[in-house]
Amino acid sequence: MAIMLSAAVSAERKTHIMYKANLNYAVVKECLESLIAAGLIEKVQGEGATVYKTTPKGLDFLSDFNALKAYLAEAR
Protein backbone atom coordinates (compact mmCIF):
# COMPACT_ATOMS: atom_id res chain seq x y z
CA MET A 1 0.00 0.00 0.00
CA ALA A 2 2.92 2.33 0.65
CA ILE A 3 4.06 1.81 -2.93
CA MET A 4 0.56 2.66 -4.12
CA LEU A 5 0.58 5.85 -2.02
CA SER A 6 3.98 6.78 -3.46
CA ALA A 7 2.79 6.17 -7.00
CA ALA A 8 -0.28 8.35 -6.49
CA VAL A 9 1.58 11.39 -5.15
CA SER A 10 1.51 12.93 -8.62
CA ALA A 11 -2.08 11.88 -9.48
CA GLU A 12 -1.86 8.69 -11.52
CA ARG A 13 -4.29 6.40 -13.31
CA LYS A 14 -5.14 3.03 -11.82
CA THR A 15 -3.09 1.24 -14.50
CA HIS A 16 0.08 3.17 -13.63
CA ILE A 17 -0.39 2.41 -9.94
CA MET A 18 -0.97 -1.25 -10.80
CA TYR A 19 2.31 -1.49 -12.76
CA LYS A 20 4.29 0.50 -10.21
CA ALA A 21 3.09 -1.72 -7.34
CA ASN A 22 3.43 -4.89 -9.44
CA LEU A 23 -0.07 -6.05 -8.50
CA ASN A 24 -2.99 -7.39 -10.50
CA TYR A 25 -6.12 -5.37 -11.23
CA ALA A 26 -8.33 -7.06 -8.60
CA VAL A 27 -5.83 -6.43 -5.79
CA VAL A 28 -5.23 -2.81 -6.83
CA LYS A 29 -8.96 -2.17 -7.00
CA GLU A 30 -9.49 -3.59 -3.51
CA CYS A 31 -6.52 -1.71 -2.04
CA LEU A 32 -7.56 1.58 -3.65
CA GLU A 33 -11.04 1.20 -2.15
CA SER A 34 -9.46 0.65 1.29
CA LEU A 35 -7.11 3.61 0.88
CA ILE A 36 -10.00 5.85 -0.22
CA ALA A 37 -12.13 4.71 2.73
CA ALA A 38 -9.23 5.52 5.08
CA GLY A 39 -8.82 8.98 3.52
CA LEU A 40 -5.29 8.28 2.30
CA ILE A 41 -6.06 8.53 -1.44
CA GLU A 42 -8.71 10.48 -3.28
CA LYS A 43 -10.34 9.71 -6.61
CA VAL A 44 -10.20 12.71 -8.94
CA GLN A 45 -11.94 13.08 -12.27
CA GLY A 46 -9.27 14.39 -14.63
CA GLU A 47 -9.53 15.33 -18.28
CA GLY A 48 -11.04 12.21 -19.81
CA ALA A 49 -9.70 9.87 -17.13
CA THR A 50 -10.06 9.12 -13.45
CA VAL A 51 -6.85 9.54 -11.48
CA TYR A 52 -5.93 8.76 -7.90
CA LYS A 53 -4.03 11.24 -5.76
CA THR A 54 -2.46 10.82 -2.34
CA THR A 55 -4.17 13.10 0.20
CA PRO A 56 -2.32 15.16 2.83
CA LYS A 57 -3.25 12.45 5.36
CA GLY A 58 -1.75 9.88 2.98
CA LEU A 59 1.44 11.92 2.67
CA ASP A 60 1.72 12.04 6.48
CA PHE A 61 1.23 8.28 6.64
CA LEU A 62 3.85 7.75 3.93
CA SER A 63 6.31 10.00 5.76
CA ASP A 64 5.79 8.08 9.02
CA PHE A 65 6.08 4.76 7.20
CA ASN A 66 9.38 5.77 5.56
CA ALA A 67 10.75 7.02 8.89
CA LEU A 68 9.87 3.70 10.53
CA LYS A 69 11.41 1.79 7.64
CA ALA A 70 14.63 3.80 7.96
CA TYR A 71 14.69 3.26 11.72
CA LEU A 72 14.30 -0.48 11.34
CA ALA A 73 17.06 -0.56 8.71
CA GLU A 74 19.40 1.23 11.13
CA ALA A 75 18.50 -1.17 13.95
CA ARG A 76 19.84 -4.12 11.97
PDB file of N, CA and C in Angstrom:
ATOM      1  N   MET A   1       0.819  -1.191   0.000  1.00  0.00           N
ATOM      2  CA  MET A   1       0.000   0.000   0.000  1.00  0.00           C
ATOM      3  C   MET A   1       0.865   1.258   0.000  1.00  0.00           C
ATOM      4  N   ALA A   2       2.021   1.171   0.647  1.00  0.00           N
ATOM      5  CA  ALA A   2       2.920   2.329   0.652  1.00  0.00           C
ATOM      6  C   ALA A   2       3.408   2.629  -0.766  1.00  0.00           C
ATOM      7  N   ILE A   3       3.651   1.598  -1.547  1.00  0.00           N
ATOM      8  CA  ILE A   3       4.064   1.810  -2.933  1.00  0.00           C
ATOM      9  C   ILE A   3       2.933   2.469  -3.715  1.00  0.00           C
ATOM     10  N   MET A   4       1.710   2.066  -3.440  1.00  0.00           N
ATOM     11  CA  MET A   4       0.563   2.662  -4.117  1.00  0.00           C
ATOM     12  C   MET A   4       0.427   4.131  -3.731  1.00  0.00           C
ATOM     13  N   LEU A   5       0.626   4.446  -2.465  1.00  0.00           N
ATOM     14  CA  LEU A   5       0.581   5.850  -2.023  1.00  0.00           C
ATOM     15  C   LEU A   5       1.683   6.667  -2.696  1.00  0.00           C
ATOM     16  N   SER A   6       2.863   6.093  -2.801  1.00  0.00           N
ATOM     17  CA  SER A   6       3.979   6.782  -3.459  1.00  0.00           C
ATOM     18  C   SER A   6       3.688   7.029  -4.934  1.00  0.00           C
ATOM     19  N   ALA A   7       3.106   6.036  -5.576  1.00  0.00           N
ATOM     20  CA  ALA A   7       2.793   6.166  -7.002  1.00  0.00           C
ATOM     21  C   ALA A   7       1.734   7.235  -7.247  1.00  0.00           C
ATOM     22  N   ALA A   8       0.827   7.412  -6.297  1.00  0.00           N
ATOM     23  CA  ALA A   8      -0.283   8.348  -6.485  1.00  0.00           C
ATOM     24  C   ALA A   8       0.025   9.768  -6.027  1.00  0.00           C
ATOM     25  N   VAL A   9       1.239  10.033  -5.593  1.00  0.00           N
ATOM     26  CA  VAL A   9       1.582  11.391  -5.152  1.00  0.00           C
ATOM     27  C   VAL A   9       1.356  12.401  -6.274  1.00  0.00           C
ATOM     28  N   SER A  10       1.672  12.007  -7.492  1.00  0.00           N
ATOM     29  CA  SER A  10       1.515  12.928  -8.620  1.00  0.00           C
ATOM     30  C   SER A  10       0.274  12.607  -9.461  1.00  0.00           C
ATOM     31  N   ALA A  11      -0.797  12.164  -8.827  1.00  0.00           N
ATOM     32  CA  ALA A  11      -2.081  11.877  -9.480  1.00  0.00           C
ATOM     33  C   ALA A  11      -1.915  10.966 -10.696  1.00  0.00           C
ATOM     34  N   GLU A  12      -2.072   9.686 -10.471  1.00  0.00           N
ATOM     35  CA  GLU A  12      -1.864   8.690 -11.520  1.00  0.00           C
ATOM     36  C   GLU A  12      -3.129   7.880 -11.782  1.00  0.00           C
ATOM     37  N   ARG A  13      -3.192   7.299 -12.963  1.00  0.00           N
ATOM     38  CA  ARG A  13      -4.285   6.396 -13.310  1.00  0.00           C
ATOM     39  C   ARG A  13      -4.084   5.068 -12.602  1.00  0.00           C
ATOM     40  N   LYS A  14      -5.174   4.325 -12.493  1.00  0.00           N
ATOM     41  CA  LYS A  14      -5.143   3.031 -11.817  1.00  0.00           C
ATOM     42  C   LYS A  14      -4.123   2.090 -12.461  1.00  0.00           C
ATOM     43  N   THR A  15      -4.021   2.127 -13.783  1.00  0.00           N
ATOM     44  CA  THR A  15      -3.089   1.244 -14.496  1.00  0.00           C
ATOM     45  C   THR A  15      -1.640   1.535 -14.101  1.00  0.00           C
ATOM     46  N   HIS A  16      -1.287   2.811 -14.009  1.00  0.00           N
ATOM     47  CA  HIS A  16       0.080   3.167 -13.631  1.00  0.00           C
ATOM     48  C   HIS A  16       0.378   2.680 -12.212  1.00  0.00           C
ATOM     49  N   ILE A  17      -0.566   2.864 -11.315  1.00  0.00           N
ATOM     50  CA  ILE A  17      -0.388   2.407  -9.935  1.00  0.00           C
ATOM     51  C   ILE A  17      -0.228   0.889  -9.915  1.00  0.00           C
ATOM     52  N   MET A  18      -1.020   0.207 -10.721  1.00  0.00           N
ATOM     53  CA  MET A  18      -0.971  -1.249 -10.799  1.00  0.00           C
ATOM     54  C   MET A  18       0.423  -1.721 -11.239  1.00  0.00           C
ATOM     55  N   TYR A  19       0.977  -1.103 -12.274  1.00  0.00           N
ATOM     56  CA  TYR A  19       2.305  -1.489 -12.761  1.00  0.00           C
ATOM     57  C   TYR A  19       3.390  -1.127 -11.757  1.00  0.00           C
ATOM     58  N   LYS A  20       3.281   0.048 -11.159  1.00  0.00           N
ATOM     59  CA  LYS A  20       4.291   0.502 -10.210  1.00  0.00           C
ATOM     60  C   LYS A  20       4.337  -0.412  -8.977  1.00  0.00           C
ATOM     61  N   ALA A  21       3.159  -0.858  -8.522  1.00  0.00           N
ATOM     62  CA  ALA A  21       3.090  -1.720  -7.342  1.00  0.00           C
ATOM     63  C   ALA A  21       3.250  -3.198  -7.683  1.00  0.00           C
ATOM     64  N   ASN A  22       3.292  -3.511  -8.974  1.00  0.00           N
ATOM     65  CA  ASN A  22       3.434  -4.894  -9.442  1.00  0.00           C
ATOM     66  C   ASN A  22       2.333  -5.796  -8.874  1.00  0.00           C
ATOM     67  N   LEU A  23       1.090  -5.318  -8.998  1.00  0.00           N
ATOM     68  CA  LEU A  23      -0.070  -6.050  -8.502  1.00  0.00           C
ATOM     69  C   LEU A  23      -1.071  -6.237  -9.632  1.00  0.00           C
ATOM     70  N   ASN A  24      -1.961  -7.209  -9.475  1.00  0.00           N
ATOM     71  CA  ASN A  24      -2.985  -7.390 -10.500  1.00  0.00           C
ATOM     72  C   ASN A  24      -4.154  -6.424 -10.263  1.00  0.00           C
ATOM     73  N   TYR A  25      -5.027  -6.342 -11.242  1.00  0.00           N
ATOM     74  CA  TYR A  25      -6.116  -5.375 -11.226  1.00  0.00           C
ATOM     75  C   TYR A  25      -7.037  -5.551 -10.019  1.00  0.00           C
ATOM     76  N   ALA A  26      -7.403  -6.795  -9.712  1.00  0.00           N
ATOM     77  CA  ALA A  26      -8.327  -7.055  -8.603  1.00  0.00           C
ATOM     78  C   ALA A  26      -7.752  -6.582  -7.266  1.00  0.00           C
ATOM     79  N   VAL A  27      -6.474  -6.835  -7.042  1.00  0.00           N
ATOM     80  CA  VAL A  27      -5.828  -6.430  -5.788  1.00  0.00           C
ATOM     81  C   VAL A  27      -5.729  -4.909  -5.718  1.00  0.00           C
ATOM     82  N   VAL A  28      -5.340  -4.278  -6.812  1.00  0.00           N
ATOM     83  CA  VAL A  28      -5.230  -2.814  -6.830  1.00  0.00           C
ATOM     84  C   VAL A  28      -6.588  -2.175  -6.575  1.00  0.00           C
ATOM     85  N   LYS A  29      -7.612  -2.707  -7.194  1.00  0.00           N
ATOM     86  CA  LYS A  29      -8.958  -2.168  -7.003  1.00  0.00           C
ATOM     87  C   LYS A  29      -9.367  -2.249  -5.535  1.00  0.00           C
ATOM     88  N   GLU A  30      -9.148  -3.401  -4.911  1.00  0.00           N
ATOM     89  CA  GLU A  30      -9.491  -3.589  -3.506  1.00  0.00           C
ATOM     90  C   GLU A  30      -8.679  -2.662  -2.596  1.00  0.00           C
ATOM     91  N   CYS A  31      -7.391  -2.563  -2.863  1.00  0.00           N
ATOM     92  CA  CYS A  31      -6.518  -1.706  -2.042  1.00  0.00           C
ATOM     93  C   CYS A  31      -6.884  -0.234  -2.204  1.00  0.00           C
ATOM     94  N   LEU A  32      -7.173   0.191  -3.430  1.00  0.00           N
ATOM     95  CA  LEU A  32      -7.564   1.582  -3.651  1.00  0.00           C
ATOM     96  C   LEU A  32      -8.846   1.903  -2.895  1.00  0.00           C
ATOM     97  N   GLU A  33      -9.792   0.989  -2.897  1.00  0.00           N
ATOM     98  CA  GLU A  33     -11.036   1.204  -2.153  1.00  0.00           C
ATOM     99  C   GLU A  33     -10.751   1.369  -0.658  1.00  0.00           C
ATOM    100  N   SER A  34      -9.846   0.551  -0.132  1.00  0.00           N
ATOM    101  CA  SER A  34      -9.465   0.653   1.288  1.00  0.00           C
ATOM    102  C   SER A  34      -8.755   1.969   1.580  1.00  0.00           C
ATOM    103  N   LEU A  35      -7.851   2.354   0.695  1.00  0.00           N
ATOM    104  CA  LEU A  35      -7.113   3.610   0.885  1.00  0.00           C
ATOM    105  C   LEU A  35      -8.042   4.819   0.791  1.00  0.00           C
ATOM    106  N   ILE A  36      -9.017   4.761  -0.104  1.00  0.00           N
ATOM    107  CA  ILE A  36      -9.999   5.846  -0.223  1.00  0.00           C
ATOM    108  C   ILE A  36     -10.843   5.912   1.041  1.00  0.00           C
ATOM    109  N   ALA A  37     -11.310   4.760   1.516  1.00  0.00           N
ATOM    110  CA  ALA A  37     -12.128   4.708   2.735  1.00  0.00           C
ATOM    111  C   ALA A  37     -11.375   5.253   3.946  1.00  0.00           C
ATOM    112  N   ALA A  38     -10.060   5.035   3.975  1.00  0.00           N
ATOM    113  CA  ALA A  38      -9.226   5.522   5.082  1.00  0.00           C
ATOM    114  C   ALA A  38      -8.845   6.989   4.917  1.00  0.00           C
ATOM    115  N   GLY A  39      -9.152   7.575   3.763  1.00  0.00           N
ATOM    116  CA  GLY A  39      -8.824   8.977   3.516  1.00  0.00           C
ATOM    117  C   GLY A  39      -7.383   9.209   3.124  1.00  0.00           C
ATOM    118  N   LEU A  40      -6.702   8.153   2.662  1.00  0.00           N
ATOM    119  CA  LEU A  40      -5.289   8.284   2.296  1.00  0.00           C
ATOM    120  C   LEU A  40      -5.100   8.596   0.816  1.00  0.00           C
ATOM    121  N   ILE A  41      -6.080   8.241   0.003  1.00  0.00           N
ATOM    122  CA  ILE A  41      -6.059   8.525  -1.436  1.00  0.00           C
ATOM    123  C   ILE A  41      -7.427   9.074  -1.811  1.00  0.00           C
ATOM    124  N   GLU A  42      -7.439   9.988  -2.778  1.00  0.00           N
ATOM    125  CA  GLU A  42      -8.713  10.483  -3.284  1.00  0.00           C
ATOM    126  C   GLU A  42      -8.824  10.194  -4.773  1.00  0.00           C
ATOM    127  N   LYS A  43     -10.044   9.968  -5.200  1.00  0.00           N
ATOM    128  CA  LYS A  43     -10.342   9.706  -6.609  1.00  0.00           C
ATOM    129  C   LYS A  43     -10.716  11.043  -7.240  1.00  0.00           C
ATOM    130  N   VAL A  44      -9.999  11.412  -8.308  1.00  0.00           N
ATOM    131  CA  VAL A  44     -10.197  12.710  -8.939  1.00  0.00           C
ATOM    132  C   VAL A  44     -10.535  12.498 -10.410  1.00  0.00           C
ATOM    133  N   GLN A  45     -11.577  13.167 -10.863  1.00  0.00           N
ATOM    134  CA  GLN A  45     -11.945  13.079 -12.273  1.00  0.00           C
ATOM    135  C   GLN A  45     -11.080  14.069 -13.044  1.00  0.00           C
ATOM    136  N   GLY A  46     -10.151  13.549 -13.831  1.00  0.00           N
ATOM    137  CA  GLY A  46      -9.273  14.389 -14.634  1.00  0.00           C
ATOM    138  C   GLY A  46      -9.862  14.593 -16.013  1.00  0.00           C
ATOM    139  N   GLU A  47      -9.079  15.111 -16.912  1.00  0.00           N
ATOM    140  CA  GLU A  47      -9.526  15.330 -18.284  1.00  0.00           C
ATOM    141  C   GLU A  47      -9.621  13.991 -19.006  1.00  0.00           C
ATOM    142  N   GLY A  48     -10.822  13.454 -19.092  1.00  0.00           N
ATOM    143  CA  GLY A  48     -11.037  12.209 -19.810  1.00  0.00           C
ATOM    144  C   GLY A  48     -10.648  10.947 -19.072  1.00  0.00           C
ATOM    145  N   ALA A  49     -10.117  11.060 -17.869  1.00  0.00           N
ATOM    146  CA  ALA A  49      -9.700   9.867 -17.132  1.00  0.00           C
ATOM    147  C   ALA A  49      -9.813  10.108 -15.629  1.00  0.00           C
ATOM    148  N   THR A  50     -10.049   9.046 -14.910  1.00  0.00           N
ATOM    149  CA  THR A  50     -10.058   9.116 -13.450  1.00  0.00           C
ATOM    150  C   THR A  50      -8.642   8.856 -12.957  1.00  0.00           C
ATOM    151  N   VAL A  51      -8.186   9.703 -12.062  1.00  0.00           N
ATOM    152  CA  VAL A  51      -6.854   9.537 -11.481  1.00  0.00           C
ATOM    153  C   VAL A  51      -6.993   9.441  -9.966  1.00  0.00           C
ATOM    154  N   TYR A  52      -5.964   8.924  -9.348  1.00  0.00           N
ATOM    155  CA  TYR A  52      -5.934   8.763  -7.903  1.00  0.00           C
ATOM    156  C   TYR A  52      -4.773   9.578  -7.369  1.00  0.00           C
ATOM    157  N   LYS A  53      -5.039  10.346  -6.318  1.00  0.00           N
ATOM    158  CA  LYS A  53      -4.029  11.236  -5.759  1.00  0.00           C
ATOM    159  C   LYS A  53      -3.928  11.024  -4.253  1.00  0.00           C
ATOM    160  N   THR A  54      -2.705  10.965  -3.778  1.00  0.00           N
ATOM    161  CA  THR A  54      -2.459  10.824  -2.345  1.00  0.00           C
ATOM    162  C   THR A  54      -2.895  12.102  -1.632  1.00  0.00           C
ATOM    163  N   THR A  55      -3.677  11.956  -0.571  1.00  0.00           N
ATOM    164  CA  THR A  55      -4.170  13.096   0.204  1.00  0.00           C
ATOM    165  C   THR A  55      -3.087  13.563   1.183  1.00  0.00           C
ATOM    166  N   PRO A  56      -3.271  14.734   1.793  1.00  0.00           N
ATOM    167  CA  PRO A  56      -2.315  15.161   2.831  1.00  0.00           C
ATOM    168  C   PRO A  56      -2.187  14.131   3.963  1.00  0.00           C
ATOM    169  N   LYS A  57      -3.294  13.513   4.348  1.00  0.00           N
ATOM    170  CA  LYS A  57      -3.250  12.451   5.362  1.00  0.00           C
ATOM    171  C   LYS A  57      -2.415  11.272   4.864  1.00  0.00           C
ATOM    172  N   GLY A  58      -2.538  10.952   3.580  1.00  0.00           N
ATOM    173  CA  GLY A  58      -1.754   9.880   2.982  1.00  0.00           C
ATOM    174  C   GLY A  58      -0.272  10.219   2.945  1.00  0.00           C
ATOM    175  N   LEU A  59       0.040  11.477   2.675  1.00  0.00           N
ATOM    176  CA  LEU A  59       1.439  11.917   2.672  1.00  0.00           C
ATOM    177  C   LEU A  59       2.043  11.819   4.068  1.00  0.00           C
ATOM    178  N   ASP A  60       1.252  12.176   5.094  1.00  0.00           N
ATOM    179  CA  ASP A  60       1.721  12.035   6.481  1.00  0.00           C
ATOM    180  C   ASP A  60       1.984  10.572   6.809  1.00  0.00           C
ATOM    181  N   PHE A  61       1.062   9.712   6.409  1.00  0.00           N
ATOM    182  CA  PHE A  61       1.227   8.277   6.638  1.00  0.00           C
ATOM    183  C   PHE A  61       2.497   7.771   5.950  1.00  0.00           C
ATOM    184  N   LEU A  62       2.692   8.180   4.701  1.00  0.00           N
ATOM    185  CA  LEU A  62       3.848   7.750   3.930  1.00  0.00           C
ATOM    186  C   LEU A  62       5.147   8.231   4.573  1.00  0.00           C
ATOM    187  N   SER A  63       5.144   9.453   5.072  1.00  0.00           N
ATOM    188  CA  SER A  63       6.313   9.999   5.763  1.00  0.00           C
ATOM    189  C   SER A  63       6.629   9.188   7.018  1.00  0.00           C
ATOM    190  N   ASP A  64       5.598   8.882   7.804  1.00  0.00           N
ATOM    191  CA  ASP A  64       5.791   8.084   9.017  1.00  0.00           C
ATOM    192  C   ASP A  64       6.268   6.670   8.672  1.00  0.00           C
ATOM    193  N   PHE A  65       5.695   6.099   7.633  1.00  0.00           N
ATOM    194  CA  PHE A  65       6.083   4.755   7.203  1.00  0.00           C
ATOM    195  C   PHE A  65       7.554   4.726   6.791  1.00  0.00           C
ATOM    196  N   ASN A  66       7.978   5.719   6.010  1.00  0.00           N
ATOM    197  CA  ASN A  66       9.375   5.770   5.561  1.00  0.00           C
ATOM    198  C   ASN A  66      10.329   5.994   6.725  1.00  0.00           C
ATOM    199  N   ALA A  67       9.914   6.796   7.703  1.00  0.00           N
ATOM    200  CA  ALA A  67      10.749   7.016   8.889  1.00  0.00           C
ATOM    201  C   ALA A  67      10.897   5.717   9.681  1.00  0.00           C
ATOM    202  N   LEU A  68       9.811   4.982   9.832  1.00  0.00           N
ATOM    203  CA  LEU A  68       9.865   3.701  10.535  1.00  0.00           C
ATOM    204  C   LEU A  68      10.739   2.702   9.786  1.00  0.00           C
ATOM    205  N   LYS A  69      10.599   2.681   8.474  1.00  0.00           N
ATOM    206  CA  LYS A  69      11.408   1.788   7.638  1.00  0.00           C
ATOM    207  C   LYS A  69      12.896   2.100   7.789  1.00  0.00           C
ATOM    208  N   ALA A  70      13.240   3.387   7.791  1.00  0.00           N
ATOM    209  CA  ALA A  70      14.635   3.799   7.959  1.00  0.00           C
ATOM    210  C   ALA A  70      15.149   3.437   9.363  1.00  0.00           C
ATOM    211  N   TYR A  71      14.308   3.621  10.353  1.00  0.00           N
ATOM    212  CA  TYR A  71      14.693   3.265  11.724  1.00  0.00           C
ATOM    213  C   TYR A  71      14.975   1.782  11.848  1.00  0.00           C
ATOM    214  N   LEU A  72      14.110   0.972  11.266  1.00  0.00           N
ATOM    215  CA  LEU A  72      14.304  -0.478  11.338  1.00  0.00           C
ATOM    216  C   LEU A  72      15.544  -0.923  10.568  1.00  0.00           C
ATOM    217  N   ALA A  73      15.852  -0.246   9.469  1.00  0.00           N
ATOM    218  CA  ALA A  73      17.064  -0.562   8.710  1.00  0.00           C
ATOM    219  C   ALA A  73      18.312  -0.243   9.525  1.00  0.00           C
ATOM    220  N   GLU A  74      18.271   0.853  10.287  1.00  0.00           N
ATOM    221  CA  GLU A  74      19.398   1.227  11.129  1.00  0.00           C
ATOM    222  C   GLU A  74      19.561   0.259  12.300  1.00  0.00           C
ATOM    223  N   ALA A  75      18.462  -0.274  12.784  1.00  0.00           N
ATOM    224  CA  ALA A  75      18.498  -1.171  13.948  1.00  0.00           C
ATOM    225  C   ALA A  75      19.152  -2.503  13.623  1.00  0.00           C
ATOM    226  N   ARG A  76      19.211  -2.853  12.355  1.00  0.00           N
ATOM    227  CA  ARG A  76      19.838  -4.117  11.971  1.00  0.00           C
ATOM    228  C   ARG A  76      21.287  -3.999  12.188  1.00  0.00           C
TER     229      ARG A  76
END
